[in-house]
Amino acid sequence: MQNAQEQDNQNRDPDQEHERHVNGIINNGGYHLNQPGSEGYYTRSHHFLNTDEWDSVFSHLVGHPYALYDTSDLIHDLHFSNIINGGRFGHESFPEVVYIPLPSSEPGFKRCILHAEEVNAGHPTGRYIPVIVKYHVNHPIARAITQLFEEEAHRRPLYHTKEELLMLTSHNDEWIRQMCQHFVLPGNDFDLFNQMHIPRADHSLPDPEVVERASREVVIPDCDVSPIGFREGNARWLEMVYPQNATAEQRREMYATFAAEQVNMHRVARLQLARDYPNYPNPIELPHNIVLDYNIGEHICENNPVDRNQNGEYANLANRYIQALYDAQNHQERARIASMNVRLPPNQIG
């Protein structure tokens, strides 16, 4: 009997076991991840090719999971090997980090999950370690994220369901639960979002100029000398650095920015497929009621709609998600979407 049990354990597919385990966490936790217009996210990714790239993002995230040091070590080793051996390792040999945007309603702050590829025994595993970040748009990490995940991305934006992203996460129950807590927040219902508890991010990176001003203007006495003064001074400092007095209009505008960026990542993916594969039907469709400037060429390179609809469930999921997300926007928010520039970096392929 024991031998039969051992044989059964050996025959089990580890990926299927992980999928069942993740589904158990989702169901037992009561996490609702499939609300229409909020079933997934468009994501961006980048293979980090050297330690300068890595440090431009992760040096700001003090105390990130220790396992990520193995990832940074492999990046260093592969980069050094390329210098010595004439670049025999392509970008796909390097660990990947996926940028998963999350909705936010704090003016000036964005939220995201940096899904960094885990490394084991000197090789990327295809599993990812989540690092949840809230950052101000004026913080240096914001520029690094734009440069690496947009301007120098190695592939076009991709749509993933929330379940897919959880299945790709490393085998750590706490990380999966933490992602679920952020994933339940809707991206297309501000009133509901505004009533929900926003889980704390692992890292919160404020505007450096505001931090400098607050540190200059607010005197915080030593806690041992004046406990009350310390608490009051610290509260004033936090109020300046992380203001909580935003109006509903300001919160809604920041929240709507998430939807606009998601729709425009869909547009970028569609344009890039049309550019890189002009002879193939394009499965990515614009929202049927979107209004854009026809002079920018976005409606050129169309393919037969009958052919488009035969191009797999992936595109259909992305199209349905974006249509529902777009439908949830008011006229002003739709105008924001139409006004945003969609850029196609020349180095992105596929």
Protein backbone atom coordinates (compact mmCIF):
# COMPACT_ATOMS: atom_id res chain seq x y z
CA MET A 1 0.00 0.00 0.00
CA GLN A 2 2.83 2.38 0.89
CA ASN A 3 4.59 1.64 -2.43
CA ALA A 4 1.37 2.35 -4.32
CA GLN A 5 1.01 5.69 -2.52
CA GLU A 6 4.61 6.61 -3.30
CA GLN A 7 4.07 5.73 -6.96
CA ASP A 8 0.91 7.86 -7.04
CA ASN A 9 2.81 10.82 -5.60
CA GLN A 10 5.53 10.41 -8.23
CA ASN A 11 2.96 10.36 -11.04
CA ARG A 12 1.27 13.59 -10.00
CA ASP A 13 1.86 16.60 -12.22
CA PRO A 14 3.36 19.34 -9.99
CA ASP A 15 1.75 22.08 -12.10
CA GLN A 16 -1.69 20.51 -11.71
CA GLU A 17 -1.09 20.11 -7.97
CA HIS A 18 -0.12 23.77 -7.72
CA GLU A 19 -3.22 24.79 -9.69
CA ARG A 20 -5.49 22.80 -7.37
CA HIS A 21 -3.75 24.30 -4.35
CA VAL A 22 -4.11 27.86 -5.63
CA ASN A 23 -7.79 27.29 -6.46
CA GLY A 24 -8.26 26.03 -2.92
CA ILE A 25 -6.77 29.24 -1.52
CA ILE A 26 -9.04 31.34 -3.77
CA ASN A 27 -12.20 29.40 -2.89
CA ASN A 28 -11.53 29.00 0.83
CA GLY A 29 -10.67 32.69 1.13
CA GLY A 30 -13.84 33.77 -0.66
CA TYR A 31 -11.89 35.86 -3.15
CA HIS A 32 -14.08 36.92 -6.09
CA LEU A 33 -11.67 37.48 -8.97
CA ASN A 34 -13.93 37.28 -12.03
CA GLN A 35 -16.09 40.40 -11.89
CA PRO A 36 -16.91 41.59 -15.46
CA GLY A 37 -14.43 44.24 -16.51
CA SER A 38 -12.10 43.23 -13.71
CA GLU A 39 -11.14 39.63 -14.53
CA GLY A 40 -7.48 40.32 -15.24
CA TYR A 41 -4.86 42.87 -16.19
CA TYR A 42 -2.78 43.92 -19.12
CA THR A 43 0.83 43.58 -17.98
CA ARG A 44 4.24 44.65 -19.22
CA SER A 45 7.49 42.73 -18.79
CA HIS A 46 11.23 43.13 -19.06
CA HIS A 47 14.18 40.75 -18.89
CA PHE A 48 16.71 42.50 -16.64
CA LEU A 49 20.05 42.38 -18.48
CA ASN A 50 22.45 43.85 -15.91
CA THR A 51 22.66 44.95 -12.31
CA ASP A 52 22.26 48.63 -13.23
CA GLU A 53 18.81 47.88 -14.58
CA TRP A 54 17.99 45.77 -11.54
CA ASP A 55 19.21 48.40 -9.08
CA SER A 56 17.26 51.17 -10.81
CA VAL A 57 14.11 49.45 -9.50
CA PHE A 58 14.93 47.08 -6.67
CA SER A 59 17.48 49.22 -4.81
CA HIS A 60 14.48 51.31 -3.70
CA LEU A 61 12.68 48.26 -2.28
CA VAL A 62 14.56 47.69 0.95
CA GLY A 63 13.62 44.42 2.60
CA HIS A 64 12.24 42.66 -0.48
CA PRO A 65 12.03 38.83 -0.30
CA TYR A 66 15.46 37.32 0.30
CA ALA A 67 15.01 34.88 -2.59
CA LEU A 68 15.35 37.80 -5.01
CA TYR A 69 19.05 38.00 -4.21
CA ASP A 70 19.42 34.75 -6.20
CA THR A 71 17.70 36.49 -9.11
CA SER A 72 20.02 39.50 -8.96
CA ASP A 73 23.07 37.22 -8.63
CA LEU A 74 22.11 35.35 -11.81
CA ILE A 75 21.66 38.64 -13.67
CA HIS A 76 25.14 39.68 -12.59
CA ASP A 77 26.67 36.33 -13.63
CA LEU A 78 24.98 36.24 -17.04
CA HIS A 79 25.92 39.85 -17.76
CA PHE A 80 29.55 39.24 -16.79
CA SER A 81 29.60 36.06 -18.93
CA ASN A 82 28.28 38.05 -21.90
CA ILE A 83 31.09 40.57 -21.49
CA ILE A 84 33.70 37.80 -21.41
CA ASN A 85 32.18 35.59 -24.12
CA GLY A 86 30.85 38.12 -26.59
CA GLY A 87 27.18 38.14 -25.65
CA ARG A 88 26.20 34.50 -26.14
CA PHE A 89 23.20 34.82 -23.78
CA GLY A 90 20.14 36.47 -25.32
CA HIS A 91 17.65 38.48 -23.29
CA GLU A 92 15.38 35.46 -22.79
CA SER A 93 18.14 33.77 -20.76
CA PHE A 94 17.88 36.51 -18.15
CA PRO A 95 15.24 36.53 -15.39
CA GLU A 96 12.01 38.31 -16.25
CA VAL A 97 10.05 40.79 -14.16
CA VAL A 98 6.36 41.35 -14.96
CA TYR A 99 4.78 44.69 -14.11
CA ILE A 100 1.19 44.14 -12.96
CA PRO A 101 -0.62 47.49 -12.57
CA LEU A 102 -3.24 47.85 -9.83
CA PRO A 103 -5.96 50.50 -9.49
CA SER A 104 -5.25 53.41 -7.16
CA SER A 105 -7.25 56.37 -5.88
CA GLU A 106 -4.46 58.28 -4.10
CA PRO A 107 -3.55 61.39 -6.10
CA GLY A 108 -0.05 61.10 -7.50
CA PHE A 109 0.45 57.49 -6.39
CA LYS A 110 0.41 54.35 -8.51
CA ARG A 111 0.18 50.78 -7.26
CA CYS A 112 1.61 47.66 -8.85
CA ILE A 113 2.92 44.16 -8.29
CA LEU A 114 6.43 43.49 -9.54
CA HIS A 115 6.34 39.78 -10.36
CA ALA A 116 10.04 38.86 -10.34
CA GLU A 117 11.16 35.51 -11.69
CA GLU A 118 12.48 33.11 -9.10
CA VAL A 119 15.88 31.47 -9.58
CA ASN A 120 16.81 28.01 -8.31
CA ALA A 121 20.23 26.37 -8.68
CA GLY A 122 21.32 29.12 -11.06
CA HIS A 123 18.35 28.84 -13.45
CA PRO A 124 15.09 30.82 -13.82
CA THR A 125 12.18 28.64 -12.69
CA GLY A 126 9.26 30.23 -14.54
CA ARG A 127 7.69 30.97 -11.13
CA TYR A 128 7.43 34.53 -9.86
CA ILE A 129 7.88 36.29 -6.52
CA PRO A 130 5.44 39.18 -5.90
CA VAL A 131 6.60 42.54 -4.54
CA ILE A 132 3.70 44.95 -3.99
CA VAL A 133 4.64 48.60 -4.41
CA LYS A 134 2.93 51.97 -4.03
CA TYR A 135 5.00 54.74 -5.58
CA HIS A 136 4.62 58.43 -6.34
CA VAL A 137 4.92 59.43 -9.97
CA ASN A 138 7.80 61.77 -9.03
CA HIS A 139 9.81 59.05 -7.31
CA PRO A 140 12.88 57.81 -9.29
CA ILE A 141 11.38 54.31 -9.52
CA ALA A 142 8.59 55.72 -11.69
CA ARG A 143 11.05 56.78 -14.37
CA ALA A 144 12.87 53.45 -14.17
CA ILE A 145 9.58 51.54 -14.60
CA THR A 146 8.61 53.63 -17.63
CA GLN A 147 12.02 53.14 -19.24
CA LEU A 148 12.32 49.39 -18.66
CA PHE A 149 8.73 48.22 -19.02
CA GLU A 150 7.59 50.57 -21.79
CA GLU A 151 10.46 52.12 -23.72
CA GLU A 152 12.79 49.09 -23.51
CA ALA A 153 10.28 46.26 -23.10
CA HIS A 154 11.19 43.01 -24.83
CA ARG A 155 7.63 42.18 -25.87
CA ARG A 156 4.25 43.79 -26.30
CA PRO A 157 1.79 44.16 -23.42
CA LEU A 158 0.02 40.89 -22.59
CA TYR A 159 -3.33 40.23 -20.98
CA HIS A 160 -3.48 37.72 -18.10
CA THR A 161 -6.42 36.62 -16.02
CA LYS A 162 -5.91 36.98 -12.29
CA GLU A 163 -5.97 33.20 -11.91
CA GLU A 164 -3.16 32.85 -14.47
CA LEU A 165 -1.00 35.31 -12.56
CA LEU A 166 -1.62 33.42 -9.32
CA MET A 167 -0.73 30.10 -10.96
CA LEU A 168 2.60 31.60 -12.07
CA THR A 169 3.41 32.71 -8.52
CA SER A 170 5.98 30.80 -6.48
CA HIS A 171 4.77 28.10 -4.10
CA ASN A 172 4.16 30.35 -1.12
CA ASP A 173 0.67 30.49 0.36
CA GLU A 174 1.19 33.88 2.01
CA TRP A 175 2.28 35.49 -1.26
CA ILE A 176 -0.73 34.04 -3.08
CA ARG A 177 -3.16 35.25 -0.39
CA GLN A 178 -1.56 38.68 -0.43
CA MET A 179 -2.03 38.93 -4.20
CA CYS A 180 -5.66 37.79 -3.87
CA GLN A 181 -6.33 40.59 -1.37
CA HIS A 182 -5.17 43.13 -3.95
CA PHE A 183 -6.80 41.35 -6.89
CA VAL A 184 -10.31 41.56 -5.40
CA LEU A 185 -10.27 45.34 -5.78
CA PRO A 186 -12.31 46.23 -8.89
CA GLY A 187 -10.79 48.24 -11.71
CA ASN A 188 -14.08 49.42 -13.21
CA ASP A 189 -16.28 50.46 -10.26
CA PHE A 190 -14.97 53.50 -8.39
CA ASP A 191 -17.85 53.69 -5.91
CA LEU A 192 -17.29 50.09 -4.83
CA PHE A 193 -13.51 50.51 -4.83
CA ASN A 194 -13.80 53.66 -2.72
CA GLN A 195 -15.70 51.73 -0.02
CA MET A 196 -13.25 48.83 0.19
CA HIS A 197 -10.21 48.43 2.40
CA ILE A 198 -7.01 48.93 0.37
CA PRO A 199 -4.38 46.44 1.60
CA ARG A 200 -1.05 47.87 2.60
CA ALA A 201 1.72 47.67 0.02
CA ASP A 202 5.04 46.03 0.87
CA HIS A 203 6.80 49.26 -0.10
CA SER A 204 5.52 52.84 -0.16
CA LEU A 205 7.69 55.34 -2.04
CA PRO A 206 6.62 59.00 -1.67
CA ASP A 207 7.56 62.12 -3.62
CA PRO A 208 11.21 62.87 -2.62
CA GLU A 209 10.66 66.65 -2.77
CA VAL A 210 7.71 66.41 -0.37
CA VAL A 211 9.77 64.22 1.97
CA GLU A 212 12.54 66.81 1.97
CA ARG A 213 10.12 69.66 2.67
CA ALA A 214 8.35 67.74 5.45
CA SER A 215 11.66 66.85 7.07
CA ARG A 216 12.67 70.50 6.95
CA GLU A 217 9.41 71.94 8.25
CA VAL A 218 8.33 69.37 10.83
CA VAL A 219 10.36 68.98 14.00
CA ILE A 220 10.05 65.48 15.51
CA PRO A 221 11.52 65.31 19.03
CA ASP A 222 13.15 62.20 20.40
CA CYS A 223 10.59 59.67 21.55
CA ASP A 224 12.33 59.17 24.90
CA VAL A 225 12.39 62.92 25.57
CA SER A 226 8.82 63.72 24.48
CA PRO A 227 6.61 60.73 23.57
CA ILE A 228 3.60 62.97 22.91
CA GLY A 229 5.63 65.41 20.83
CA PHE A 230 7.11 62.51 18.89
CA ARG A 231 3.65 61.12 18.06
CA GLU A 232 2.28 64.53 17.06
CA GLY A 233 5.33 65.41 14.97
CA ASN A 234 5.33 62.05 13.26
CA ALA A 235 1.61 62.39 12.48
CA ARG A 236 2.20 65.84 10.89
CA TRP A 237 5.10 64.44 8.84
CA LEU A 238 2.97 61.54 7.57
CA GLU A 239 0.11 63.89 6.75
CA MET A 240 2.40 65.96 4.53
CA VAL A 241 4.06 62.99 2.83
CA TYR A 242 0.93 60.84 2.43
CA PRO A 243 -1.97 63.36 2.32
CA GLN A 244 -5.39 61.90 3.12
CA ASN A 245 -7.51 64.96 2.28
CA ALA A 246 -7.97 64.35 -1.46
CA THR A 247 -11.38 65.21 -2.90
CA ALA A 248 -13.62 62.58 -4.44
CA GLU A 249 -12.88 64.07 -7.87
CA GLN A 250 -9.12 63.75 -7.32
CA ARG A 251 -9.46 60.14 -6.17
CA ARG A 252 -11.70 59.25 -9.09
CA GLU A 253 -9.32 60.85 -11.59
CA MET A 254 -6.41 58.76 -10.31
CA TYR A 255 -8.59 55.66 -10.36
CA ALA A 256 -9.70 56.36 -13.95
CA THR A 257 -6.06 56.65 -15.02
CA PHE A 258 -5.69 52.92 -14.37
CA ALA A 259 -8.53 52.10 -16.79
CA ALA A 260 -7.14 54.48 -19.40
CA GLU A 261 -3.72 52.87 -19.23
CA GLN A 262 -5.23 49.38 -19.48
CA VAL A 263 -7.24 50.30 -22.59
CA ASN A 264 -4.21 51.91 -24.16
CA MET A 265 -2.02 48.87 -23.49
CA HIS A 266 -4.67 46.94 -25.44
CA ARG A 267 -4.31 49.47 -28.25
CA VAL A 268 -0.51 49.14 -28.19
CA ALA A 269 -0.75 45.34 -28.37
CA ARG A 270 -3.17 45.59 -31.30
CA LEU A 271 -1.04 48.05 -33.24
CA GLN A 272 2.09 46.04 -32.65
CA LEU A 273 0.52 42.82 -33.90
CA ALA A 274 -0.63 44.67 -37.03
CA ARG A 275 2.87 46.07 -37.55
CA ASP A 276 4.85 42.90 -36.90
CA TYR A 277 2.48 40.43 -38.57
CA PRO A 278 0.72 42.41 -41.33
CA ASN A 279 -0.34 39.30 -43.25
CA TYR A 280 -2.12 37.61 -40.34
CA PRO A 281 -5.61 38.36 -39.04
CA ASN A 282 -5.41 40.59 -35.98
CA PRO A 283 -7.36 39.02 -33.10
CA ILE A 284 -7.22 42.13 -30.89
CA GLU A 285 -10.26 44.38 -31.35
CA LEU A 286 -10.93 47.91 -30.20
CA PRO A 287 -14.04 48.53 -28.08
CA HIS A 288 -16.88 48.78 -30.58
CA ASN A 289 -17.95 52.21 -29.25
CA ILE A 290 -14.51 53.82 -28.88
CA VAL A 291 -13.98 57.21 -30.56
CA LEU A 292 -10.45 57.93 -31.77
CA ASP A 293 -8.75 60.27 -34.19
CA TYR A 294 -8.85 58.41 -37.50
CA ASN A 295 -5.88 60.42 -38.75
CA ILE A 296 -3.42 58.58 -36.51
CA GLY A 297 -3.65 55.39 -38.56
CA GLU A 298 -5.11 53.23 -35.84
CA HIS A 299 -7.90 52.00 -38.09
CA ILE A 300 -5.60 51.00 -40.93
CA CYS A 301 -4.35 47.39 -41.24
CA GLU A 302 -7.75 45.94 -40.35
CA ASN A 303 -8.44 42.29 -41.09
CA ASN A 304 -11.57 40.34 -41.81
CA PRO A 305 -13.64 40.27 -38.58
CA VAL A 306 -14.60 36.66 -39.30
CA ASP A 307 -10.92 35.72 -39.34
CA ARG A 308 -10.21 37.73 -36.19
CA ASN A 309 -12.83 35.87 -34.18
CA GLN A 310 -11.18 32.54 -34.99
CA ASN A 311 -7.89 33.46 -33.32
CA GLY A 312 -8.27 31.82 -29.96
CA GLU A 313 -9.72 32.31 -26.53
CA TYR A 314 -6.85 34.49 -25.30
CA ALA A 315 -7.76 37.42 -27.55
CA ASN A 316 -11.47 36.95 -26.84
CA LEU A 317 -10.82 37.21 -23.09
CA ALA A 318 -8.75 40.37 -23.57
CA ASN A 319 -11.33 41.90 -25.92
CA ARG A 320 -14.20 41.22 -23.51
CA TYR A 321 -12.23 42.58 -20.56
CA ILE A 322 -11.37 45.82 -22.35
CA GLN A 323 -14.89 46.28 -23.70
CA ALA A 324 -16.39 45.97 -20.19
CA LEU A 325 -13.72 48.24 -18.74
CA TYR A 326 -14.30 50.86 -21.43
CA ASP A 327 -18.08 50.69 -21.00
CA ALA A 328 -17.67 51.56 -17.32
CA GLN A 329 -15.98 54.91 -18.14
CA ASN A 330 -17.90 58.19 -18.44
CA HIS A 331 -17.48 60.63 -21.34
CA GLN A 332 -14.67 62.54 -19.64
CA GLU A 333 -12.75 59.36 -18.88
CA ARG A 334 -13.19 58.11 -22.44
CA ALA A 335 -11.80 61.41 -23.69
CA ARG A 336 -8.73 60.81 -21.51
CA ILE A 337 -8.26 57.41 -23.17
CA ALA A 338 -8.49 58.88 -26.67
CA SER A 339 -6.03 61.66 -25.83
CA MET A 340 -3.30 59.34 -24.51
CA ASN A 341 -0.38 58.65 -26.83
CA VAL A 342 0.22 55.02 -27.78
CA ARG A 343 3.90 54.39 -28.46
CA LEU A 344 5.43 51.39 -30.19
CA PRO A 345 9.07 50.99 -29.13
CA PRO A 346 11.00 49.77 -32.18
CA ASN A 347 12.82 47.03 -30.25
CA GLN A 348 9.66 45.18 -29.24
CA ILE A 349 9.00 42.07 -31.30
CA GLY A 350 5.90 39.90 -30.95
